[in-house]
Amino acid sequence: MIRDQIKTKRKVQQLGASTLAVTLPAEWVHEQGIEKGEEVIIQRDESGGSLLVVPDEPSDGDRSVAIDADGMSREALERAVVAQYVLGRQIITVDSERALESEHYDGILDAEQRLIGLGVVEETEHRITIRCSVAPGDFELPQLLERLGRTESSMRSDAFGAFLDGDGARARRAKKRERRMDKLFSLFLRLVFTTYRNPRLNQSVGLETGFPLIGYRSAAWSLVLMADTARHTAELAADADGETVEGTTRERLESGIDAMDRAVEASLAAAIDPTYEGIEAANEALEAANAECAAIREYIETERPERAVVLDRVVIYLLQIGTYAAGVSDVATHLVFRQRPEDVP
């Protein structure tokens, strides 16, 4: 098999009356250090349509990687370090045949500041060694998903509150929370990818099986998109620093914000602890929030309050958050169907 070849065909062979087998690619076996008589782990994906084959113990190549920094910009090197962090590397070395340049150091510093548990442990003129101290078992995915949800909720609360109160300082605080979201999401992806490659780690990250991994990743990404929408709202608030929303318009907007808060909270709760009742509660809350937002848009169109265009944009952002929350609810539905079919009437 060619080293860079991702896909290859193998013929299914009959070994016994009811036993079928396929051979493993020799180069992959050599790379993983697998010998005759050793065990591998076979795990089905969430859809059940494919199988993942991994060594019983990950190879050293899964734990460390070298990056050639020659010709890389500051931004490119930062992205490369972040990518290897997400893939679960414990040791990342950055090498250069020439002396490492200042922009290389800056790129590594940028990555170090945006990633949890990453730090430089050794530095020479031609090499920088970075180590990640985060390991599966330090965090459980359900709890980490909750932390993402709380951070997004705080950011959203600050953003919409800043818009209502005309509070520029609170709007800027909301925007700064995005860096924390990025840190938590990168850590979340690291744990997901590490566990996906080594199913033995399922219980270490708080899962009975690996089935929730893809769904959890989707739910986490939806939370990141909600935070991004909150940032846009904060930018509107910052642009209108000092302009408050008053009277009936404020009451209507507060009602829509509260309804969407309940919908997001219910959707995330359903994904973390999937039950049919939780899904029903999330979907009912989403339906109520969307109806409330539709009524607010109708009010804006009919009454034409001051700053009507900006107000309508804020309600559109609320509806976008509802769309992402619906994606989280869909994840919960999938998890219930896969893990607890007895909950489905």
Foldseek 3Di string as FASTA:
>chain_A
DDPPDPDDDWDWDDDDPPDIDTDDDPVVCVQQVHDPPADWDWDAELVSPDIDTAHLDGHVVQAEDEAECVPPFLQRLLVVVLVSLLLQHFKYKYFYPQFDDPSVVVSVVVNVVLAPQKDWDDDDRGMTMIGRPDDQLVAALLVLLVVLVVLLLQLLCLLVVLQQQLALVSLVVSLVSLSVLSHSLSVSSSNLNVCVNHVVSQVSNPHPGNHLSVLSNLLSVLSNVLSVLSNVSSVLSNVRRPDHDDDPLSVLVVVLVVLLSQLLVLLSVCLSPPFPVSLVSNVVSLVVSVVSLVVSLVCCVVVVDPPSVSSNSNSVSSVSNSVSSVSSSVSSVSCCVRPPVVRPD
